[in-house]
Amino acid sequence: MEKLISCCGLECATCNAKIATDTNDNDLRRKTAEEWSAMNKAIITAEMINCNGCRTTGVHFGYCDICEIRNCVKEKAFETCGDCTEMSSCKKVEAVHQYAPETIANLQSLKN
């Protein structure tokens, strides 16, 4: 099975928003909304937990439309941050890569 990698390198198959969308699991939506609200100090509702992956057409988690990483990738007409020569020094994606270092390997795997 091919991995579905987001613009920043997160693996969508392991994301609770994608899993809840694929399985129509409202309990997982509620749990994820609670966790993400606490983690991000924001109000995230279960209704917001729907996503097919930020690089796909269709449903995206509400934040995706304003995500500066996704918007940057789209503006530069790249598939992901991995296509950008400035990725290693990019302040936009730095926090994601520090929080989830496997994202760098995910982006590199798309080039193989």
PDB file of N, CA and C in Angstrom:
ATOM      1  N   MET A   1       0.842  -1.182   0.000  1.00  0.00           N
ATOM      2  CA  MET A   1       0.000   0.000   0.000  1.00  0.00           C
ATOM      3  C   MET A   1       0.889   1.248   0.000  1.00  0.00           C
ATOM      4  N   GLU A   2       0.593   2.156  -0.900  1.00  0.00           N
ATOM      5  CA  GLU A   2       1.355   3.392  -0.982  1.00  0.00           C
ATOM      6  C   GLU A   2       0.959   4.321   0.160  1.00  0.00           C
ATOM      7  N   LYS A   3       1.959   4.968   0.742  1.00  0.00           N
ATOM      8  CA  LYS A   3       1.699   5.908   1.823  1.00  0.00           C
ATOM      9  C   LYS A   3       1.052   7.168   1.274  1.00  0.00           C
ATOM     10  N   LEU A   4       0.158   7.741   2.047  1.00  0.00           N
ATOM     11  CA  LEU A   4      -0.402   9.051   1.731  1.00  0.00           C
ATOM     12  C   LEU A   4       0.291  10.034   2.661  1.00  0.00           C
ATOM     13  N   ILE A   5       1.205  10.817   2.098  1.00  0.00           N
ATOM     14  CA  ILE A   5       2.024  11.737   2.877  1.00  0.00           C
ATOM     15  C   ILE A   5       1.504  13.154   2.665  1.00  0.00           C
ATOM     16  N   SER A   6       1.374  13.887   3.754  1.00  0.00           N
ATOM     17  CA  SER A   6       0.899  15.269   3.681  1.00  0.00           C
ATOM     18  C   SER A   6       1.998  16.185   3.150  1.00  0.00           C
ATOM     19  N   CYS A   7       1.646  17.425   2.916  1.00  0.00           N
ATOM     20  CA  CYS A   7       2.612  18.412   2.411  1.00  0.00           C
ATOM     21  C   CYS A   7       3.838  18.520   3.309  1.00  0.00           C
ATOM     22  N   CYS A   8       3.647  18.436   4.622  1.00  0.00           N
ATOM     23  CA  CYS A   8       4.749  18.606   5.572  1.00  0.00           C
ATOM     24  C   CYS A   8       5.441  17.300   5.916  1.00  0.00           C
ATOM     25  N   GLY A   9       4.863  16.174   5.494  1.00  0.00           N
ATOM     26  CA  GLY A   9       5.495  14.885   5.730  1.00  0.00           C
ATOM     27  C   GLY A   9       4.781  13.962   6.692  1.00  0.00           C
ATOM     28  N   LEU A  10       3.709  14.425   7.307  1.00  0.00           N
ATOM     29  CA  LEU A  10       2.950  13.537   8.194  1.00  0.00           C
ATOM     30  C   LEU A  10       2.322  12.420   7.371  1.00  0.00           C
ATOM     31  N   GLU A  11       2.217  11.241   7.958  1.00  0.00           N
ATOM     32  CA  GLU A  11       1.614  10.109   7.263  1.00  0.00           C
ATOM     33  C   GLU A  11       0.119  10.074   7.580  1.00  0.00           C
ATOM     34  N   CYS A  12      -0.690  10.322   6.568  1.00  0.00           N
ATOM     35  CA  CYS A  12      -2.133  10.435   6.759  1.00  0.00           C
ATOM     36  C   CYS A  12      -2.770   9.141   7.277  1.00  0.00           C
ATOM     37  N   ALA A  13      -2.215   8.007   6.903  1.00  0.00           N
ATOM     38  CA  ALA A  13      -2.799   6.733   7.315  1.00  0.00           C
ATOM     39  C   ALA A  13      -2.801   6.552   8.828  1.00  0.00           C
ATOM     40  N   THR A  14      -1.916   7.261   9.523  1.00  0.00           N
ATOM     41  CA  THR A  14      -1.856   7.138  10.976  1.00  0.00           C
ATOM     42  C   THR A  14      -2.564   8.296  11.685  1.00  0.00           C
ATOM     43  N   CYS A  15      -3.152   9.197  10.926  1.00  0.00           N
ATOM     44  CA  CYS A  15      -3.812  10.368  11.491  1.00  0.00           C
ATOM     45  C   CYS A  15      -5.241  10.029  11.888  1.00  0.00           C
ATOM     46  N   ASN A  16      -5.609  10.381  13.110  1.00  0.00           N
ATOM     47  CA  ASN A  16      -6.950  10.069  13.593  1.00  0.00           C
ATOM     48  C   ASN A  16      -8.049  10.748  12.785  1.00  0.00           C
ATOM     49  N   ALA A  17      -7.792  11.910  12.218  1.00  0.00           N
ATOM     50  CA  ALA A  17      -8.814  12.567  11.393  1.00  0.00           C
ATOM     51  C   ALA A  17      -9.083  11.751  10.132  1.00  0.00           C
ATOM     52  N   LYS A  18      -8.040  11.251   9.509  1.00  0.00           N
ATOM     53  CA  LYS A  18      -8.190  10.423   8.303  1.00  0.00           C
ATOM     54  C   LYS A  18      -8.848   9.101   8.650  1.00  0.00           C
ATOM     55  N   ILE A  19      -8.422   8.486   9.743  1.00  0.00           N
ATOM     56  CA  ILE A  19      -9.000   7.206  10.164  1.00  0.00           C
ATOM     57  C   ILE A  19     -10.479   7.369  10.479  1.00  0.00           C
ATOM     58  N   ALA A  20     -10.818   8.417  11.227  1.00  0.00           N
ATOM     59  CA  ALA A  20     -12.224   8.653  11.573  1.00  0.00           C
ATOM     60  C   ALA A  20     -13.069   8.910  10.333  1.00  0.00           C
ATOM     61  N   THR A  21     -12.507   9.607   9.366  1.00  0.00           N
ATOM     62  CA  THR A  21     -13.226   9.875   8.121  1.00  0.00           C
ATOM     63  C   THR A  21     -13.448   8.580   7.355  1.00  0.00           C
ATOM     64  N   ASP A  22     -12.390   7.803   7.203  1.00  0.00           N
ATOM     65  CA  ASP A  22     -12.481   6.557   6.439  1.00  0.00           C
ATOM     66  C   ASP A  22     -13.442   5.553   7.062  1.00  0.00           C
ATOM     67  N   THR A  23     -13.490   5.532   8.395  1.00  0.00           N
ATOM     68  CA  THR A  23     -14.317   4.543   9.093  1.00  0.00           C
ATOM     69  C   THR A  23     -15.627   5.118   9.615  1.00  0.00           C
ATOM     70  N   ASN A  24     -15.826   6.419   9.414  1.00  0.00           N
ATOM     71  CA  ASN A  24     -17.004   7.131   9.921  1.00  0.00           C
ATOM     72  C   ASN A  24     -17.191   6.865  11.417  1.00  0.00           C
ATOM     73  N   ASP A  25     -16.117   7.035  12.162  1.00  0.00           N
ATOM     74  CA  ASP A  25     -16.076   6.730  13.591  1.00  0.00           C
ATOM     75  C   ASP A  25     -16.265   8.008  14.411  1.00  0.00           C
ATOM     76  N   ASN A  26     -17.478   8.236  14.870  1.00  0.00           N
ATOM     77  CA  ASN A  26     -17.783   9.448  15.630  1.00  0.00           C
ATOM     78  C   ASN A  26     -17.132   9.466  17.005  1.00  0.00           C
ATOM     79  N   ASP A  27     -16.939   8.300  17.606  1.00  0.00           N
ATOM     80  CA  ASP A  27     -16.242   8.253  18.897  1.00  0.00           C
ATOM     81  C   ASP A  27     -14.792   8.708  18.732  1.00  0.00           C
ATOM     82  N   LEU A  28     -14.135   8.265  17.669  1.00  0.00           N
ATOM     83  CA  LEU A  28     -12.765   8.690  17.405  1.00  0.00           C
ATOM     84  C   LEU A  28     -12.728  10.184  17.081  1.00  0.00           C
ATOM     85  N   ARG A  29     -13.737  10.694  16.389  1.00  0.00           N
ATOM     86  CA  ARG A  29     -13.807  12.132  16.116  1.00  0.00           C
ATOM     87  C   ARG A  29     -13.864  12.919  17.431  1.00  0.00           C
ATOM     88  N   ARG A  30     -14.715  12.493  18.351  1.00  0.00           N
ATOM     89  CA  ARG A  30     -14.839  13.181  19.643  1.00  0.00           C
ATOM     90  C   ARG A  30     -13.532  13.124  20.426  1.00  0.00           C
ATOM     91  N   LYS A  31     -12.941  11.942  20.499  1.00  0.00           N
ATOM     92  CA  LYS A  31     -11.676  11.765  21.227  1.00  0.00           C
ATOM     93  C   LYS A  31     -10.581  12.634  20.609  1.00  0.00           C
ATOM     94  N   THR A  32     -10.479  12.636  19.308  1.00  0.00           N
ATOM     95  CA  THR A  32      -9.461  13.416  18.613  1.00  0.00           C
ATOM     96  C   THR A  32      -9.681  14.905  18.821  1.00  0.00           C
ATOM     97  N   ALA A  33     -10.918  15.340  18.751  1.00  0.00           N
ATOM     98  CA  ALA A  33     -11.236  16.757  18.970  1.00  0.00           C
ATOM     99  C   ALA A  33     -10.812  17.188  20.370  1.00  0.00           C
ATOM    100  N   GLU A  34     -11.064  16.361  21.357  1.00  0.00           N
ATOM    101  CA  GLU A  34     -10.659  16.679  22.726  1.00  0.00           C
ATOM    102  C   GLU A  34      -9.134  16.772  22.840  1.00  0.00           C
ATOM    103  N   GLU A  35      -8.447  15.779  22.291  1.00  0.00           N
ATOM    104  CA  GLU A  35      -6.979  15.758  22.361  1.00  0.00           C
ATOM    105  C   GLU A  35      -6.369  16.943  21.620  1.00  0.00           C
ATOM    106  N   TRP A  36      -6.842  17.203  20.405  1.00  0.00           N
ATOM    107  CA  TRP A  36      -6.279  18.285  19.603  1.00  0.00           C
ATOM    108  C   TRP A  36      -6.611  19.646  20.187  1.00  0.00           C
ATOM    109  N   SER A  37      -7.786  19.772  20.809  1.00  0.00           N
ATOM    110  CA  SER A  37      -8.150  21.036  21.462  1.00  0.00           C
ATOM    111  C   SER A  37      -7.185  21.337  22.596  1.00  0.00           C
ATOM    112  N   ALA A  38      -6.905  20.320  23.408  1.00  0.00           N
ATOM    113  CA  ALA A  38      -5.981  20.500  24.535  1.00  0.00           C
ATOM    114  C   ALA A  38      -4.560  20.753  24.037  1.00  0.00           C
ATOM    115  N   MET A  39      -4.114  19.983  23.061  1.00  0.00           N
ATOM    116  CA  MET A  39      -2.753  20.092  22.557  1.00  0.00           C
ATOM    117  C   MET A  39      -2.504  21.451  21.885  1.00  0.00           C
ATOM    118  N   ASN A  40      -3.503  21.947  21.169  1.00  0.00           N
ATOM    119  CA  ASN A  40      -3.334  23.189  20.409  1.00  0.00           C
ATOM    120  C   ASN A  40      -3.927  24.416  21.095  1.00  0.00           C
ATOM    121  N   LYS A  41      -4.483  24.200  22.286  1.00  0.00           N
ATOM    122  CA  LYS A  41      -5.132  25.291  23.018  1.00  0.00           C
ATOM    123  C   LYS A  41      -6.101  26.052  22.096  1.00  0.00           C
ATOM    124  N   ALA A  42      -6.971  25.251  21.465  1.00  0.00           N
ATOM    125  CA  ALA A  42      -7.935  25.783  20.500  1.00  0.00           C
ATOM    126  C   ALA A  42      -9.242  25.014  20.648  1.00  0.00           C
ATOM    127  N   ILE A  43     -10.272  25.561  20.087  1.00  0.00           N
ATOM    128  CA  ILE A  43     -11.557  24.869  20.091  1.00  0.00           C
ATOM    129  C   ILE A  43     -11.663  24.075  18.792  1.00  0.00           C
ATOM    130  N   ILE A  44     -11.611  22.774  18.936  1.00  0.00           N
ATOM    131  CA  ILE A  44     -11.759  21.872  17.807  1.00  0.00           C
ATOM    132  C   ILE A  44     -12.904  20.937  18.149  1.00  0.00           C
ATOM    133  N   THR A  45     -13.884  20.902  17.285  1.00  0.00           N
ATOM    134  CA  THR A  45     -15.065  20.081  17.534  1.00  0.00           C
ATOM    135  C   THR A  45     -14.984  18.772  16.763  1.00  0.00           C
ATOM    136  N   ALA A  46     -15.778  17.820  17.197  1.00  0.00           N
ATOM    137  CA  ALA A  46     -15.832  16.522  16.512  1.00  0.00           C
ATOM    138  C   ALA A  46     -16.255  16.696  15.057  1.00  0.00           C
ATOM    139  N   GLU A  47     -17.102  17.670  14.791  1.00  0.00           N
ATOM    140  CA  GLU A  47     -17.566  17.918  13.427  1.00  0.00           C
ATOM    141  C   GLU A  47     -16.434  18.376  12.503  1.00  0.00           C
ATOM    142  N   MET A  48     -15.372  18.897  13.082  1.00  0.00           N
ATOM    143  CA  MET A  48     -14.227  19.366  12.299  1.00  0.00           C
ATOM    144  C   MET A  48     -13.283  18.226  11.939  1.00  0.00           C
ATOM    145  N   ILE A  49     -13.441  17.082  12.571  1.00  0.00           N
ATOM    146  CA  ILE A  49     -12.527  15.956  12.377  1.00  0.00           C
ATOM    147  C   ILE A  49     -12.980  15.125  11.176  1.00  0.00           C
ATOM    148  N   ASN A  50     -12.665  15.631  10.017  1.00  0.00           N
ATOM    149  CA  ASN A  50     -12.917  14.969   8.738  1.00  0.00           C
ATOM    150  C   ASN A  50     -11.796  15.348   7.804  1.00  0.00           C
ATOM    151  N   CYS A  51     -11.145  14.352   7.196  1.00  0.00           N
ATOM    152  CA  CYS A  51     -10.043  14.666   6.301  1.00  0.00           C
ATOM    153  C   CYS A  51      -9.714  13.470   5.413  1.00  0.00           C
ATOM    154  N   ASN A  52      -9.484  13.744   4.147  1.00  0.00           N
ATOM    155  CA  ASN A  52      -9.020  12.721   3.209  1.00  0.00           C
ATOM    156  C   ASN A  52      -7.529  12.861   2.924  1.00  0.00           C
ATOM    157  N   GLY A  53      -6.879  13.831   3.549  1.00  0.00           N
ATOM    158  CA  GLY A  53      -5.464  14.098   3.316  1.00  0.00           C
ATOM    159  C   GLY A  53      -5.302  15.425   2.608  1.00  0.00           C
ATOM    160  N   CYS A  54      -4.343  16.223   3.036  1.00  0.00           N
ATOM    161  CA  CYS A  54      -4.234  17.596   2.523  1.00  0.00           C
ATOM    162  C   CYS A  54      -3.794  17.671   1.071  1.00  0.00           C
ATOM    163  N   ARG A  55      -3.248  16.592   0.533  1.00  0.00           N
ATOM    164  CA  ARG A  55      -2.819  16.600  -0.862  1.00  0.00           C
ATOM    165  C   ARG A  55      -3.869  15.986  -1.781  1.00  0.00           C
ATOM    166  N   THR A  56      -5.005  15.606  -1.238  1.00  0.00           N
ATOM    167  CA  THR A  56      -6.070  15.025  -2.039  1.00  0.00           C
ATOM    168  C   THR A  56      -7.147  16.068  -2.303  1.00  0.00           C
ATOM    169  N   THR A  57      -8.011  15.773  -3.232  1.00  0.00           N
ATOM    170  CA  THR A  57      -9.183  16.619  -3.420  1.00  0.00           C
ATOM    171  C   THR A  57     -10.255  16.089  -2.486  1.00  0.00           C
ATOM    172  N   GLY A  58     -11.175  16.922  -2.132  1.00  0.00           N
ATOM    173  CA  GLY A  58     -12.237  16.476  -1.246  1.00  0.00           C
ATOM    174  C   GLY A  58     -12.147  17.125   0.113  1.00  0.00           C
ATOM    175  N   VAL A  59     -12.477  16.361   1.126  1.00  0.00           N
ATOM    176  CA  VAL A  59     -12.595  16.865   2.487  1.00  0.00           C
ATOM    177  C   VAL A  59     -11.228  17.017   3.129  1.00  0.00           C
ATOM    178  N   HIS A  60     -11.016  18.183   3.756  1.00  0.00           N
ATOM    179  CA  HIS A  60      -9.782  18.442   4.505  1.00  0.00           C
ATOM    180  C   HIS A  60     -10.151  18.891   5.905  1.00  0.00           C
ATOM    181  N   PHE A  61      -9.294  18.581   6.853  1.00  0.00           N
ATOM    182  CA  PHE A  61      -9.457  19.113   8.202  1.00  0.00           C
ATOM    183  C   PHE A  61      -9.527  20.629   8.080  1.00  0.00           C
ATOM    184  N   GLY A  62     -10.396  21.273   8.821  1.00  0.00           N
ATOM    185  CA  GLY A  62     -10.650  22.703   8.689  1.00  0.00           C
ATOM    186  C   GLY A  62      -9.425  23.584   8.638  1.00  0.00           C
ATOM    187  N   TYR A  63      -8.385  23.216   9.351  1.00  0.00           N
ATOM    188  CA  TYR A  63      -7.179  24.029   9.381  1.00  0.00           C
ATOM    189  C   TYR A  63      -6.433  24.008   8.050  1.00  0.00           C
ATOM    190  N   CYS A  64      -6.585  22.949   7.273  1.00  0.00           N
ATOM    191  CA  CYS A  64      -5.808  22.782   6.041  1.00  0.00           C
ATOM    192  C   CYS A  64      -5.951  23.954   5.080  1.00  0.00           C
ATOM    193  N   ASP A  65      -7.123  24.538   5.012  1.00  0.00           N
ATOM    194  CA  ASP A  65      -7.344  25.636   4.074  1.00  0.00           C
ATOM    195  C   ASP A  65      -6.521  26.874   4.410  1.00  0.00           C
ATOM    196  N   ILE A  66      -6.136  27.017   5.678  1.00  0.00           N
ATOM    197  CA  ILE A  66      -5.325  28.173   6.059  1.00  0.00           C
ATOM    198  C   ILE A  66      -3.905  27.782   6.460  1.00  0.00           C
ATOM    199  N   CYS A  67      -3.564  26.506   6.321  1.00  0.00           N
ATOM    200  CA  CYS A  67      -2.233  26.019   6.705  1.00  0.00           C
ATOM    201  C   CYS A  67      -1.173  26.691   5.841  1.00  0.00           C
ATOM    202  N   GLU A  68      -0.252  27.399   6.479  1.00  0.00           N
ATOM    203  CA  GLU A  68       0.774  28.113   5.718  1.00  0.00           C
ATOM    204  C   GLU A  68       1.726  27.159   5.009  1.00  0.00           C
ATOM    205  N   ILE A  69       1.907  25.968   5.530  1.00  0.00           N
ATOM    206  CA  ILE A  69       2.768  24.984   4.875  1.00  0.00           C
ATOM    207  C   ILE A  69       2.101  24.510   3.588  1.00  0.00           C
ATOM    208  N   ARG A  70       0.851  24.093   3.695  1.00  0.00           N
ATOM    209  CA  ARG A  70       0.107  23.617   2.512  1.00  0.00           C
ATOM    210  C   ARG A  70      -0.001  24.724   1.475  1.00  0.00           C
ATOM    211  N   ASN A  71      -0.306  25.931   1.909  1.00  0.00           N
ATOM    212  CA  ASN A  71      -0.437  27.041   0.967  1.00  0.00           C
ATOM    213  C   ASN A  71       0.882  27.365   0.283  1.00  0.00           C
ATOM    214  N   CYS A  72       1.983  27.274   1.004  1.00  0.00           N
ATOM    215  CA  CYS A  72       3.299  27.506   0.424  1.00  0.00           C
ATOM    216  C   CYS A  72       3.601  26.455  -0.643  1.00  0.00           C
ATOM    217  N   VAL A  73       3.340  25.192  -0.337  1.00  0.00           N
ATOM    218  CA  VAL A  73       3.565  24.109  -1.292  1.00  0.00           C
ATOM    219  C   VAL A  73       2.740  24.351  -2.552  1.00  0.00           C
ATOM    220  N   LYS A  74       1.478  24.738  -2.378  1.00  0.00           N
ATOM    221  CA  LYS A  74       0.615  24.995  -3.532  1.00  0.00           C
ATOM    222  C   LYS A  74       1.109  26.191  -4.340  1.00  0.00           C
ATOM    223  N   GLU A  75       1.507  27.262  -3.657  1.00  0.00           N
ATOM    224  CA  GLU A  75       1.996  28.466  -4.349  1.00  0.00           C
ATOM    225  C   GLU A  75       3.233  28.169  -5.183  1.00  0.00           C
ATOM    226  N   LYS A  76       4.095  27.297  -4.680  1.00  0.00           N
ATOM    227  CA  LYS A  76       5.330  26.956  -5.394  1.00  0.00           C
ATOM    228  C   LYS A  76       5.115  25.828  -6.405  1.00  0.00           C
ATOM    229  N   ALA A  77       3.885  25.331  -6.483  1.00  0.00           N
ATOM    230  CA  ALA A  77       3.519  24.238  -7.393  1.00  0.00           C
ATOM    231  C   ALA A  77       4.339  22.967  -7.121  1.00  0.00           C
ATOM    232  N   PHE A  78       4.598  22.705  -5.836  1.00  0.00           N
ATOM    233  CA  PHE A  78       5.283  21.494  -5.416  1.00  0.00           C
ATOM    234  C   PHE A  78       4.239  20.463  -4.998  1.00  0.00           C
ATOM    235  N   GLU A  79       4.687  19.226  -4.876  1.00  0.00           N
ATOM    236  CA  GLU A  79       3.841  18.175  -4.311  1.00  0.00           C
ATOM    237  C   GLU A  79       3.895  18.230  -2.788  1.00  0.00           C
ATOM    238  N   THR A  80       5.114  18.412  -2.250  1.00  0.00           N
ATOM    239  CA  THR A  80       5.337  18.461  -0.808  1.00  0.00           C
ATOM    240  C   THR A  80       6.499  19.401  -0.514  1.00  0.00           C
ATOM    241  N   CYS A  81       6.759  19.610   0.756  1.00  0.00           N
ATOM    242  CA  CYS A  81       7.927  20.379   1.175  1.00  0.00           C
ATOM    243  C   CYS A  81       9.226  19.715   0.730  1.00  0.00           C
ATOM    244  N   GLY A  82       9.200  18.415   0.543  1.00  0.00           N
ATOM    245  CA  GLY A  82      10.375  17.685   0.120  1.00  0.00           C
ATOM    246  C   GLY A  82      10.891  18.109  -1.250  1.00  0.00           C
ATOM    247  N   ASP A  83      10.062  18.780  -2.030  1.00  0.00           N
ATOM    248  CA  ASP A  83      10.474  19.268  -3.350  1.00  0.00           C
ATOM    249  C   ASP A  83      11.208  20.603  -3.262  1.00  0.00           C
ATOM    250  N   CYS A  84      11.198  21.206  -2.097  1.00  0.00           N
ATOM    251  CA  CYS A  84      11.758  22.551  -1.925  1.00  0.00           C
ATOM    252  C   CYS A  84      13.205  22.476  -1.430  1.00  0.00           C
ATOM    253  N   THR A  85      14.080  23.215  -2.078  1.00  0.00           N
ATOM    254  CA  THR A  85      15.492  23.227  -1.683  1.00  0.00           C
ATOM    255  C   THR A  85      15.714  23.967  -0.363  1.00  0.00           C
ATOM    256  N   GLU A  86      14.713  24.699   0.099  1.00  0.00           N
ATOM    257  CA  GLU A  86      14.826  25.466   1.340  1.00  0.00           C
ATOM    258  C   GLU A  86      14.228  24.748   2.549  1.00  0.00           C
ATOM    259  N   MET A  87      13.792  23.503   2.371  1.00  0.00           N
ATOM    260  CA  MET A  87      13.086  22.802   3.446  1.00  0.00           C
ATOM    261  C   MET A  87      13.898  22.730   4.741  1.00  0.00           C
ATOM    262  N   SER A  88      15.169  22.438   4.672  1.00  0.00           N
ATOM    263  CA  SER A  88      15.962  22.239   5.890  1.00  0.00           C
ATOM    264  C   SER A  88      16.101  23.514   6.721  1.00  0.00           C
ATOM    265  N   SER A  89      15.891  24.671   6.114  1.00  0.00           N
ATOM    266  CA  SER A  89      15.984  25.933   6.857  1.00  0.00           C
ATOM    267  C   SER A  89      14.642  26.656   6.964  1.00  0.00           C
ATOM    268  N   CYS A  90      13.573  25.999   6.558  1.00  0.00           N
ATOM    269  CA  CYS A  90      12.250  26.634   6.516  1.00  0.00           C
ATOM    270  C   CYS A  90      11.620  26.743   7.908  1.00  0.00           C
ATOM    271  N   LYS A  91      11.263  27.942   8.286  1.00  0.00           N
ATOM    272  CA  LYS A  91      10.625  28.178   9.586  1.00  0.00           C
ATOM    273  C   LYS A  91       9.181  27.686   9.605  1.00  0.00           C
ATOM    274  N   LYS A  92       8.530  27.632   8.440  1.00  0.00           N
ATOM    275  CA  LYS A  92       7.129  27.198   8.386  1.00  0.00           C
ATOM    276  C   LYS A  92       6.976  25.741   8.795  1.00  0.00           C
ATOM    277  N   VAL A  93       7.874  24.893   8.329  1.00  0.00           N
ATOM    278  CA  VAL A  93       7.739  23.460   8.566  1.00  0.00           C
ATOM    279  C   VAL A  93       8.616  22.967   9.724  1.00  0.00           C
ATOM    280  N   GLU A  94       9.443  23.836  10.247  1.00  0.00           N
ATOM    281  CA  GLU A  94      10.383  23.470  11.304  1.00  0.00           C
ATOM    282  C   GLU A  94       9.715  22.806  12.515  1.00  0.00           C
ATOM    283  N   ALA A  95       8.631  23.367  12.998  1.00  0.00           N
ATOM    284  CA  ALA A  95       7.972  22.826  14.190  1.00  0.00           C
ATOM    285  C   ALA A  95       7.436  21.419  13.945  1.00  0.00           C
ATOM    286  N   VAL A  96       6.898  21.174  12.771  1.00  0.00           N
ATOM    287  CA  VAL A  96       6.384  19.838  12.452  1.00  0.00           C
ATOM    288  C   VAL A  96       7.531  18.837  12.463  1.00  0.00           C
ATOM    289  N   HIS A  97       8.619  19.198  11.835  1.00  0.00           N
ATOM    290  CA  HIS A  97       9.754  18.286  11.748  1.00  0.00           C
ATOM    291  C   HIS A  97      10.419  18.059  13.106  1.00  0.00           C
ATOM    292  N   GLN A  98      10.380  19.050  13.989  1.00  0.00           N
ATOM    293  CA  GLN A  98      10.919  18.859  15.345  1.00  0.00           C
ATOM    294  C   GLN A  98       9.990  17.963  16.160  1.00  0.00           C
ATOM    295  N   TYR A  99       8.683  18.173  16.031  1.00  0.00           N
ATOM    296  CA  TYR A  99       7.687  17.409  16.786  1.00  0.00           C
ATOM    297  C   TYR A  99       7.592  15.968  16.275  1.00  0.00           C
ATOM    298  N   ALA A 100       7.717  15.808  14.960  1.00  0.00           N
ATOM    299  CA  ALA A 100       7.586  14.491  14.341  1.00  0.00           C
ATOM    300  C   ALA A 100       8.726  14.292  13.343  1.00  0.00           C
ATOM    301  N   PRO A 101       9.924  13.943  13.828  1.00  0.00           N
ATOM    302  CA  PRO A 101      11.095  13.852  12.956  1.00  0.00           C
ATOM    303  C   PRO A 101      10.956  12.836  11.816  1.00  0.00           C
ATOM    304  N   GLU A 102      10.062  11.871  11.958  1.00  0.00           N
ATOM    305  CA  GLU A 102       9.860  10.885  10.883  1.00  0.00           C
ATOM    306  C   GLU A 102       9.298  11.527   9.613  1.00  0.00           C
ATOM    307  N   THR A 103       8.786  12.747   9.742  1.00  0.00           N
ATOM    308  CA  THR A 103       8.226  13.431   8.578  1.00  0.00           C
ATOM    309  C   THR A 103       9.288  13.692   7.513  1.00  0.00           C
ATOM    310  N   ILE A 104      10.517  13.916   7.924  1.00  0.00           N
ATOM    311  CA  ILE A 104      11.595  14.166   6.956  1.00  0.00           C
ATOM    312  C   ILE A 104      11.840  12.909   6.127  1.00  0.00           C
ATOM    313  N   ALA A 105      11.910  11.755   6.775  1.00  0.00           N
ATOM    314  CA  ALA A 105      12.093  10.487   6.052  1.00  0.00           C
ATOM    315  C   ALA A 105      10.893  10.204   5.149  1.00  0.00           C
ATOM    316  N   ASN A 106       9.695  10.539   5.608  1.00  0.00           N
ATOM    317  CA  ASN A 106       8.500  10.351   4.777  1.00  0.00           C
ATOM    318  C   ASN A 106       8.607  11.161   3.488  1.00  0.00           C
ATOM    319  N   LEU A 107       9.049  12.406   3.608  1.00  0.00           N
ATOM    320  CA  LEU A 107       9.193  13.251   2.423  1.00  0.00           C
ATOM    321  C   LEU A 107      10.295  12.723   1.510  1.00  0.00           C
ATOM    322  N   GLN A 108      11.387  12.254   2.084  1.00  0.00           N
ATOM    323  CA  GLN A 108      12.480  11.702   1.289  1.00  0.00           C
ATOM    324  C   GLN A 108      12.054  10.431   0.571  1.00  0.00           C
ATOM    325  N   SER A 109      11.162   9.648   1.184  1.00  0.00           N
ATOM    326  CA  SER A 109      10.713   8.390   0.571  1.00  0.00           C
ATOM    327  C   SER A 109       9.900   8.637  -0.694  1.00  0.00           C
ATOM    328  N   LEU A 110       9.321   9.803  -0.829  1.00  0.00           N
ATOM    329  CA  LEU A 110       8.537  10.117  -2.027  1.00  0.00           C
ATOM    330  C   LEU A 110       9.425  10.340  -3.232  1.00  0.00           C
ATOM    331  N   LYS A 111      10.677  10.624  -3.006  1.00  0.00           N
ATOM    332  CA  LYS A 111      11.620  10.885  -4.099  1.00  0.00           C
ATOM    333  C   LYS A 111      12.193   9.591  -4.674  1.00  0.00           C
ATOM    334  N   ASN A 112      12.026   8.478  -3.968  1.00  0.00           N
ATOM    335  CA  ASN A 112      12.583   7.191  -4.409  1.00  0.00           C
ATOM    336  C   ASN A 112      11.634   6.456  -5.326  1.00  0.00           C
TER     337      ASN A 112
END
